[in-house]
Amino acid sequence: LWPEDPRLPQPFRSALADLGAEIAPFESRHFG
């Protein structure tokens, strides 16, 4: 359902982790 990879790039993942956020992956089954 995604023509391009929708995941967060690594620098943003690291910054969010440094700010105490937890990345929670999910599969797009219906929308995308």
PDB file of all heavy atoms in Angstrom:
ATOM      1  N   LEU A   1       0.811  -1.221   0.000  1.00  0.00           N
ATOM      2  CA  LEU A   1       0.000   0.000   0.000  1.00  0.00           C
ATOM      3  C   LEU A   1       0.845   1.272   0.000  1.00  0.00           C
ATOM      4  O   LEU A   1       0.306   2.373   0.054  1.00  0.00           O
ATOM      5  CB  LEU A   1      -0.949  -0.007   1.206  1.00  0.00           C
ATOM      6  CG  LEU A   1      -1.936  -1.181   1.231  1.00  0.00           C
ATOM      7  CD1 LEU A   1      -2.793  -1.131   2.495  1.00  0.00           C
ATOM      8  CD2 LEU A   1      -2.805  -1.181  -0.011  1.00  0.00           C
ATOM      9  N   TRP A   2       2.167   1.101  -0.047  1.00  0.00           N
ATOM     10  CA  TRP A   2       3.084   2.243  -0.056  1.00  0.00           C
ATOM     11  C   TRP A   2       3.989   2.173  -1.285  1.00  0.00           C
ATOM     12  O   TRP A   2       4.772   1.236  -1.419  1.00  0.00           O
ATOM     13  CB  TRP A   2       3.951   2.236   1.210  1.00  0.00           C
ATOM     14  CG  TRP A   2       3.163   2.522   2.433  1.00  0.00           C
ATOM     15  CD1 TRP A   2       2.652   1.621   3.313  1.00  0.00           C
ATOM     16  CD2 TRP A   2       2.768   3.806   2.905  1.00  0.00           C
ATOM     17  NE1 TRP A   2       1.956   2.255   4.305  1.00  0.00           N
ATOM     18  CE2 TRP A   2       2.011   3.609   4.079  1.00  0.00           C
ATOM     19  CE3 TRP A   2       2.966   5.099   2.454  1.00  0.00           C
ATOM     20  CZ2 TRP A   2       1.465   4.657   4.802  1.00  0.00           C
ATOM     21  CZ3 TRP A   2       2.420   6.141   3.175  1.00  0.00           C
ATOM     22  CH2 TRP A   2       1.677   5.917   4.338  1.00  0.00           C
ATOM     23  N   PRO A   3       3.935   3.171  -2.176  1.00  0.00           N
ATOM     24  CA  PRO A   3       4.831   3.150  -3.337  1.00  0.00           C
ATOM     25  C   PRO A   3       6.283   3.423  -2.939  1.00  0.00           C
ATOM     26  O   PRO A   3       7.197   3.018  -3.642  1.00  0.00           O
ATOM     27  CB  PRO A   3       4.284   4.252  -4.240  1.00  0.00           C
ATOM     28  CG  PRO A   3       3.507   5.141  -3.346  1.00  0.00           C
ATOM     29  CD  PRO A   3       2.991   4.268  -2.231  1.00  0.00           C
ATOM     30  N   GLU A   4       6.492   4.119  -1.815  1.00  0.00           N
ATOM     31  CA  GLU A   4       7.827   4.394  -1.283  1.00  0.00           C
ATOM     32  C   GLU A   4       7.864   3.975   0.176  1.00  0.00           C
ATOM     33  O   GLU A   4       6.829   3.859   0.828  1.00  0.00           O
ATOM     34  CB  GLU A   4       8.164   5.880  -1.418  1.00  0.00           C
ATOM     35  CG  GLU A   4       8.234   6.345  -2.871  1.00  0.00           C
ATOM     36  CD  GLU A   4       8.579   7.818  -2.984  1.00  0.00           C
ATOM     37  OE1 GLU A   4       9.242   8.352  -2.083  1.00  0.00           O
ATOM     38  OE2 GLU A   4       8.170   8.428  -3.985  1.00  0.00           O
ATOM     39  N   ASP A   5       9.041   3.780   0.701  1.00  0.00           N
ATOM     40  CA  ASP A   5       9.218   3.385   2.100  1.00  0.00           C
ATOM     41  C   ASP A   5       8.754   4.525   3.012  1.00  0.00           C
ATOM     42  O   ASP A   5       9.318   5.622   2.978  1.00  0.00           O
ATOM     43  CB  ASP A   5      10.701   3.070   2.352  1.00  0.00           C
ATOM     44  CG  ASP A   5      10.954   2.441   3.709  1.00  0.00           C
ATOM     45  OD1 ASP A   5      10.072   2.524   4.596  1.00  0.00           O
ATOM     46  OD2 ASP A   5      12.044   1.873   3.888  1.00  0.00           O
ATOM     47  N   PRO A   6       7.730   4.295   3.849  1.00  0.00           N
ATOM     48  CA  PRO A   6       7.218   5.360   4.709  1.00  0.00           C
ATOM     49  C   PRO A   6       7.961   5.504   6.042  1.00  0.00           C
ATOM     50  O   PRO A   6       7.648   6.394   6.829  1.00  0.00           O
ATOM     51  CB  PRO A   6       5.767   4.933   4.952  1.00  0.00           C
ATOM     52  CG  PRO A   6       5.849   3.436   4.970  1.00  0.00           C
ATOM     53  CD  PRO A   6       6.892   3.092   3.920  1.00  0.00           C
ATOM     54  N   ARG A   7       8.928   4.643   6.299  1.00  0.00           N
ATOM     55  CA  ARG A   7       9.585   4.662   7.613  1.00  0.00           C
ATOM     56  C   ARG A   7      10.404   5.927   7.835  1.00  0.00           C
ATOM     57  O   ARG A   7      10.896   6.548   6.902  1.00  0.00           O
ATOM     58  CB  ARG A   7      10.475   3.432   7.776  1.00  0.00           C
ATOM     59  CG  ARG A   7       9.675   2.138   7.895  1.00  0.00           C
ATOM     60  CD  ARG A   7      10.567   0.946   8.001  1.00  0.00           C
ATOM     61  NE  ARG A   7      11.264   0.782   6.713  1.00  0.00           N
ATOM     62  CZ  ARG A   7      12.048  -0.243   6.420  1.00  0.00           C
ATOM     63  NH1 ARG A   7      12.250  -1.198   7.304  1.00  0.00           N
ATOM     64  NH2 ARG A   7      12.622  -0.322   5.242  1.00  0.00           N
ATOM     65  N   LEU A   8      10.547   6.253   9.099  1.00  0.00           N
ATOM     66  CA  LEU A   8      11.352   7.415   9.502  1.00  0.00           C
ATOM     67  C   LEU A   8      12.824   7.161   9.193  1.00  0.00           C
ATOM     68  O   LEU A   8      13.330   6.080   9.509  1.00  0.00           O
ATOM     69  CB  LEU A   8      11.188   7.667  11.008  1.00  0.00           C
ATOM     70  CG  LEU A   8       9.778   8.034  11.469  1.00  0.00           C
ATOM     71  CD1 LEU A   8       9.643   7.806  12.962  1.00  0.00           C
ATOM     72  CD2 LEU A   8       9.477   9.473  11.107  1.00  0.00           C
ATOM     73  N   PRO A   9      13.524   8.135   8.623  1.00  0.00           N
ATOM     74  CA  PRO A   9      14.970   7.983   8.413  1.00  0.00           C
ATOM     75  C   PRO A   9      15.706   7.888   9.751  1.00  0.00           C
ATOM     76  O   PRO A   9      15.253   8.414  10.776  1.00  0.00           O
ATOM     77  CB  PRO A   9      15.363   9.256   7.668  1.00  0.00           C
ATOM     78  CG  PRO A   9      14.090   9.777   7.085  1.00  0.00           C
ATOM     79  CD  PRO A   9      13.009   9.358   8.036  1.00  0.00           C
ATOM     80  N   GLN A  10      16.850   7.248   9.740  1.00  0.00           N
ATOM     81  CA  GLN A  10      17.607   6.986  10.970  1.00  0.00           C
ATOM     82  C   GLN A  10      17.879   8.230  11.825  1.00  0.00           C
ATOM     83  O   GLN A  10      17.698   8.172  13.039  1.00  0.00           O
ATOM     84  CB  GLN A  10      18.916   6.258  10.653  1.00  0.00           C
ATOM     85  CG  GLN A  10      19.692   5.833  11.887  1.00  0.00           C
ATOM     86  CD  GLN A  10      18.852   5.014  12.866  1.00  0.00           C
ATOM     87  OE1 GLN A  10      18.158   4.098  12.485  1.00  0.00           O
ATOM     88  NE2 GLN A  10      18.897   5.362  14.141  1.00  0.00           N
ATOM     89  N   PRO A  11      18.302   9.347  11.263  1.00  0.00           N
ATOM     90  CA  PRO A  11      18.556  10.494  12.142  1.00  0.00           C
ATOM     91  C   PRO A  11      17.329  10.912  12.950  1.00  0.00           C
ATOM     92  O   PRO A  11      17.440  11.323  14.106  1.00  0.00           O
ATOM     93  CB  PRO A  11      18.991  11.602  11.182  1.00  0.00           C
ATOM     94  CG  PRO A  11      19.465  10.897   9.959  1.00  0.00           C
ATOM     95  CD  PRO A  11      18.658   9.637   9.872  1.00  0.00           C
ATOM     96  N   PHE A  12      16.152  10.786  12.347  1.00  0.00           N
ATOM     97  CA  PHE A  12      14.924  11.150  13.050  1.00  0.00           C
ATOM     98  C   PHE A  12      14.566  10.101  14.097  1.00  0.00           C
ATOM     99  O   PHE A  12      14.086  10.431  15.183  1.00  0.00           O
ATOM    100  CB  PHE A  12      13.780  11.352  12.048  1.00  0.00           C
ATOM    101  CG  PHE A  12      13.975  12.566  11.193  1.00  0.00           C
ATOM    102  CD1 PHE A  12      14.684  12.483  10.011  1.00  0.00           C
ATOM    103  CD2 PHE A  12      13.479  13.795  11.587  1.00  0.00           C
ATOM    104  CE1 PHE A  12      14.885  13.604   9.222  1.00  0.00           C
ATOM    105  CE2 PHE A  12      13.672  14.920  10.818  1.00  0.00           C
ATOM    106  CZ  PHE A  12      14.385  14.834   9.635  1.00  0.00           C
ATOM    107  N   ARG A  13      14.793   8.846  13.788  1.00  0.00           N
ATOM    108  CA  ARG A  13      14.554   7.772  14.758  1.00  0.00           C
ATOM    109  C   ARG A  13      15.421   7.994  15.996  1.00  0.00           C
ATOM    110  O   ARG A  13      14.956   7.881  17.132  1.00  0.00           O
ATOM    111  CB  ARG A  13      14.861   6.410  14.147  1.00  0.00           C
ATOM    112  CG  ARG A  13      14.026   6.060  12.936  1.00  0.00           C
ATOM    113  CD  ARG A  13      14.498   4.766  12.284  1.00  0.00           C
ATOM    114  NE  ARG A  13      14.040   3.628  13.058  1.00  0.00           N
ATOM    115  CZ  ARG A  13      12.800   3.155  13.037  1.00  0.00           C
ATOM    116  NH1 ARG A  13      11.902   3.715  12.267  1.00  0.00           N
ATOM    117  NH2 ARG A  13      12.453   2.123  13.762  1.00  0.00           N
ATOM    118  N   SER A  14      16.683   8.312  15.777  1.00  0.00           N
ATOM    119  CA  SER A  14      17.612   8.544  16.889  1.00  0.00           C
ATOM    120  C   SER A  14      17.194   9.756  17.709  1.00  0.00           C
ATOM    121  O   SER A  14      17.218   9.717  18.938  1.00  0.00           O
ATOM    122  CB  SER A  14      19.037   8.738  16.363  1.00  0.00           C
ATOM    123  OG  SER A  14      19.497   7.574  15.731  1.00  0.00           O
ATOM    124  N   ALA A  15      16.813  10.831  17.020  1.00  0.00           N
ATOM    125  CA  ALA A  15      16.400  12.044  17.738  1.00  0.00           C
ATOM    126  C   ALA A  15      15.153  11.774  18.582  1.00  0.00           C
ATOM    127  O   ALA A  15      15.063  12.222  19.734  1.00  0.00           O
ATOM    128  CB  ALA A  15      16.152  13.177  16.757  1.00  0.00           C
ATOM    129  N   LEU A  16      14.195  11.044  18.027  1.00  0.00           N
ATOM    130  CA  LEU A  16      12.989  10.720  18.790  1.00  0.00           C
ATOM    131  C   LEU A  16      13.324   9.858  20.005  1.00  0.00           C
ATOM    132  O   LEU A  16      12.793  10.085  21.103  1.00  0.00           O
ATOM    133  CB  LEU A  16      11.963  10.029  17.896  1.00  0.00           C
ATOM    134  CG  LEU A  16      11.264  10.952  16.904  1.00  0.00           C
ATOM    135  CD1 LEU A  16      10.546  10.154  15.824  1.00  0.00           C
ATOM    136  CD2 LEU A  16      10.290  11.866  17.633  1.00  0.00           C
ATOM    137  N   ALA A  17      14.207   8.885  19.836  1.00  0.00           N
ATOM    138  CA  ALA A  17      14.620   8.040  20.966  1.00  0.00           C
ATOM    139  C   ALA A  17      15.310   8.888  22.031  1.00  0.00           C
ATOM    140  O   ALA A  17      15.058   8.711  23.230  1.00  0.00           O
ATOM    141  CB  ALA A  17      15.535   6.922  20.484  1.00  0.00           C
ATOM    142  N   ASP A  18      16.159   9.821  21.609  1.00  0.00           N
ATOM    143  CA  ASP A  18      16.834  10.704  22.561  1.00  0.00           C
ATOM    144  C   ASP A  18      15.844  11.562  23.343  1.00  0.00           C
ATOM    145  O   ASP A  18      16.113  11.954  24.477  1.00  0.00           O
ATOM    146  CB  ASP A  18      17.835  11.614  21.845  1.00  0.00           C
ATOM    147  CG  ASP A  18      19.047  10.860  21.315  1.00  0.00           C
ATOM    148  OD1 ASP A  18      19.267   9.691  21.714  1.00  0.00           O
ATOM    149  OD2 ASP A  18      19.778  11.449  20.477  1.00  0.00           O
ATOM    150  N   LEU A  19      14.703  11.848  22.734  1.00  0.00           N
ATOM    151  CA  LEU A  19      13.661  12.634  23.392  1.00  0.00           C
ATOM    152  C   LEU A  19      12.689  11.758  24.184  1.00  0.00           C
ATOM    153  O   LEU A  19      11.693  12.251  24.711  1.00  0.00           O
ATOM    154  CB  LEU A  19      12.905  13.471  22.359  1.00  0.00           C
ATOM    155  CG  LEU A  19      13.718  14.609  21.741  1.00  0.00           C
ATOM    156  CD1 LEU A  19      13.027  15.141  20.487  1.00  0.00           C
ATOM    157  CD2 LEU A  19      13.948  15.713  22.761  1.00  0.00           C
ATOM    158  N   GLY A  20      12.955  10.463  24.243  1.00  0.00           N
ATOM    159  CA  GLY A  20      12.143   9.563  25.051  1.00  0.00           C
ATOM    160  C   GLY A  20      10.942   8.973  24.342  1.00  0.00           C
ATOM    161  O   GLY A  20      10.114   8.318  24.977  1.00  0.00           O
ATOM    162  N   ALA A  21      10.828   9.184  23.043  1.00  0.00           N
ATOM    163  CA  ALA A  21       9.702   8.612  22.305  1.00  0.00           C
ATOM    164  C   ALA A  21      10.012   7.165  21.927  1.00  0.00           C
ATOM    165  O   ALA A  21      11.172   6.795  21.757  1.00  0.00           O
ATOM    166  CB  ALA A  21       9.422   9.427  21.042  1.00  0.00           C
ATOM    167  N   GLU A  22       8.977   6.381  21.791  1.00  0.00           N
ATOM    168  CA  GLU A  22       9.120   4.991  21.383  1.00  0.00           C
ATOM    169  C   GLU A  22       8.504   4.828  19.992  1.00  0.00           C
ATOM    170  O   GLU A  22       7.335   5.159  19.788  1.00  0.00           O
ATOM    171  CB  GLU A  22       8.410   4.076  22.378  1.00  0.00           C
ATOM    172  CG  GLU A  22       8.555   2.615  22.064  1.00  0.00           C
ATOM    173  CD  GLU A  22       7.924   1.734  23.129  1.00  0.00           C
ATOM    174  OE1 GLU A  22       8.116   2.006  24.330  1.00  0.00           O
ATOM    175  OE2 GLU A  22       7.234   0.763  22.747  1.00  0.00           O
ATOM    176  N   ILE A  23       9.309   4.358  19.039  1.00  0.00           N
ATOM    177  CA  ILE A  23       8.808   4.091  17.696  1.00  0.00           C
ATOM    178  C   ILE A  23       8.022   2.782  17.744  1.00  0.00           C
ATOM    179  O   ILE A  23       8.517   1.766  18.225  1.00  0.00           O
ATOM    180  CB  ILE A  23       9.962   3.957  16.674  1.00  0.00           C
ATOM    181  CG1 ILE A  23      10.880   5.176  16.715  1.00  0.00           C
ATOM    182  CG2 ILE A  23       9.408   3.716  15.269  1.00  0.00           C
ATOM    183  CD1 ILE A  23      10.268   6.453  16.277  1.00  0.00           C
ATOM    184  N   ALA A  24       6.779   2.829  17.243  1.00  0.00           N
ATOM    185  CA  ALA A  24       5.893   1.667  17.280  1.00  0.00           C
ATOM    186  C   ALA A  24       5.466   1.316  15.850  1.00  0.00           C
ATOM    187  O   ALA A  24       4.575   1.949  15.286  1.00  0.00           O
ATOM    188  CB  ALA A  24       4.676   1.984  18.147  1.00  0.00           C
ATOM    189  N   PRO A  25       6.128   0.318  15.230  1.00  0.00           N
ATOM    190  CA  PRO A  25       5.796  -0.034  13.845  1.00  0.00           C
ATOM    191  C   PRO A  25       4.427  -0.699  13.727  1.00  0.00           C
ATOM    192  O   PRO A  25       3.997  -1.408  14.627  1.00  0.00           O
ATOM    193  CB  PRO A  25       6.910  -0.996  13.455  1.00  0.00           C
ATOM    194  CG  PRO A  25       7.491  -1.495  14.722  1.00  0.00           C
ATOM    195  CD  PRO A  25       7.199  -0.493  15.788  1.00  0.00           C
ATOM    196  N   PHE A  26       3.770  -0.436  12.595  1.00  0.00           N
ATOM    197  CA  PHE A  26       2.511  -1.127  12.304  1.00  0.00           C
ATOM    198  C   PHE A  26       2.406  -1.371  10.805  1.00  0.00           C
ATOM    199  O   PHE A  26       3.002  -0.664  10.005  1.00  0.00           O
ATOM    200  CB  PHE A  26       1.294  -0.342  12.815  1.00  0.00           C
ATOM    201  CG  PHE A  26       1.009   0.936  12.075  1.00  0.00           C
ATOM    202  CD1 PHE A  26       0.130   0.945  10.996  1.00  0.00           C
ATOM    203  CD2 PHE A  26       1.599   2.130  12.449  1.00  0.00           C
ATOM    204  CE1 PHE A  26      -0.144   2.121  10.313  1.00  0.00           C
ATOM    205  CE2 PHE A  26       1.331   3.311  11.784  1.00  0.00           C
ATOM    206  CZ  PHE A  26       0.452   3.306  10.708  1.00  0.00           C
ATOM    207  N   GLU A  27       1.654  -2.386  10.444  1.00  0.00           N
ATOM    208  CA  GLU A  27       1.432  -2.736   9.047  1.00  0.00           C
ATOM    209  C   GLU A  27       0.179  -2.022   8.538  1.00  0.00           C
ATOM    210  O   GLU A  27      -0.848  -2.008   9.214  1.00  0.00           O
ATOM    211  CB  GLU A  27       1.236  -4.248   8.912  1.00  0.00           C
ATOM    212  CG  GLU A  27       2.402  -5.015   9.460  1.00  0.00           C
ATOM    213  CD  GLU A  27       3.005  -5.950   8.443  1.00  0.00           C
ATOM    214  OE1 GLU A  27       2.515  -6.015   7.307  1.00  0.00           O
ATOM    215  OE2 GLU A  27       3.983  -6.604   8.820  1.00  0.00           O
ATOM    216  N   SER A  28       0.277  -1.438   7.380  1.00  0.00           N
ATOM    217  CA  SER A  28      -0.883  -0.814   6.732  1.00  0.00           C
ATOM    218  C   SER A  28      -1.628  -1.902   5.977  1.00  0.00           C
ATOM    219  O   SER A  28      -1.174  -2.381   4.953  1.00  0.00           O
ATOM    220  CB  SER A  28      -0.429   0.281   5.773  1.00  0.00           C
ATOM    221  OG  SER A  28       0.228   1.297   6.469  1.00  0.00           O
ATOM    222  N   ARG A  29      -2.756  -2.300   6.511  1.00  0.00           N
ATOM    223  CA  ARG A  29      -3.527  -3.382   5.899  1.00  0.00           C
ATOM    224  C   ARG A  29      -4.663  -2.872   5.011  1.00  0.00           C
ATOM    225  O   ARG A  29      -5.147  -3.593   4.154  1.00  0.00           O
ATOM    226  CB  ARG A  29      -4.098  -4.285   6.981  1.00  0.00           C
ATOM    227  CG  ARG A  29      -3.021  -4.929   7.830  1.00  0.00           C
ATOM    228  CD  ARG A  29      -3.634  -5.886   8.848  1.00  0.00           C
ATOM    229  NE  ARG A  29      -2.690  -6.306   9.854  1.00  0.00           N
ATOM    230  CZ  ARG A  29      -1.749  -7.212   9.684  1.00  0.00           C
ATOM    231  NH1 ARG A  29      -1.611  -7.786   8.512  1.00  0.00           N
ATOM    232  NH2 ARG A  29      -0.942  -7.546  10.670  1.00  0.00           N
ATOM    233  N   HIS A  30      -5.107  -1.627   5.263  1.00  0.00           N
ATOM    234  CA  HIS A  30      -6.276  -1.129   4.547  1.00  0.00           C
ATOM    235  C   HIS A  30      -6.070   0.218   3.860  1.00  0.00           C
ATOM    236  O   HIS A  30      -6.732   0.490   2.870  1.00  0.00           O
ATOM    237  CB  HIS A  30      -7.464  -1.004   5.498  1.00  0.00           C
ATOM    238  CG  HIS A  30      -7.801  -2.274   6.190  1.00  0.00           C
ATOM    239  ND1 HIS A  30      -8.455  -3.318   5.563  1.00  0.00           N
ATOM    240  CD2 HIS A  30      -7.545  -2.705   7.445  1.00  0.00           C
ATOM    241  CE1 HIS A  30      -8.593  -4.323   6.406  1.00  0.00           C
ATOM    242  NE2 HIS A  30      -8.052  -3.977   7.557  1.00  0.00           N
ATOM    243  N   PHE A  31      -5.202   1.075   4.376  1.00  0.00           N
ATOM    244  CA  PHE A  31      -5.160   2.446   3.894  1.00  0.00           C
ATOM    245  C   PHE A  31      -3.855   2.794   3.179  1.00  0.00           C
ATOM    246  O   PHE A  31      -3.848   2.980   1.984  1.00  0.00           O
ATOM    247  CB  PHE A  31      -5.421   3.414   5.047  1.00  0.00           C
ATOM    248  CG  PHE A  31      -6.759   3.199   5.684  1.00  0.00           C
ATOM    249  CD1 PHE A  31      -6.860   2.606   6.930  1.00  0.00           C
ATOM    250  CD2 PHE A  31      -7.927   3.553   5.026  1.00  0.00           C
ATOM    251  CE1 PHE A  31      -8.095   2.393   7.518  1.00  0.00           C
ATOM    252  CE2 PHE A  31      -9.167   3.343   5.602  1.00  0.00           C
ATOM    253  CZ  PHE A  31      -9.250   2.760   6.857  1.00  0.00           C
ATOM    254  N   GLY A  32      -2.758   2.933   3.887  1.00  0.00           N
ATOM    255  CA  GLY A  32      -1.478   3.262   3.268  1.00  0.00           C
ATOM    256  C   GLY A  32      -1.453   4.638   2.645  1.00  0.00           C
ATOM    257  O   GLY A  32      -2.089   5.572   3.122  1.00  0.00           O
TER     258      GLY A  32
END
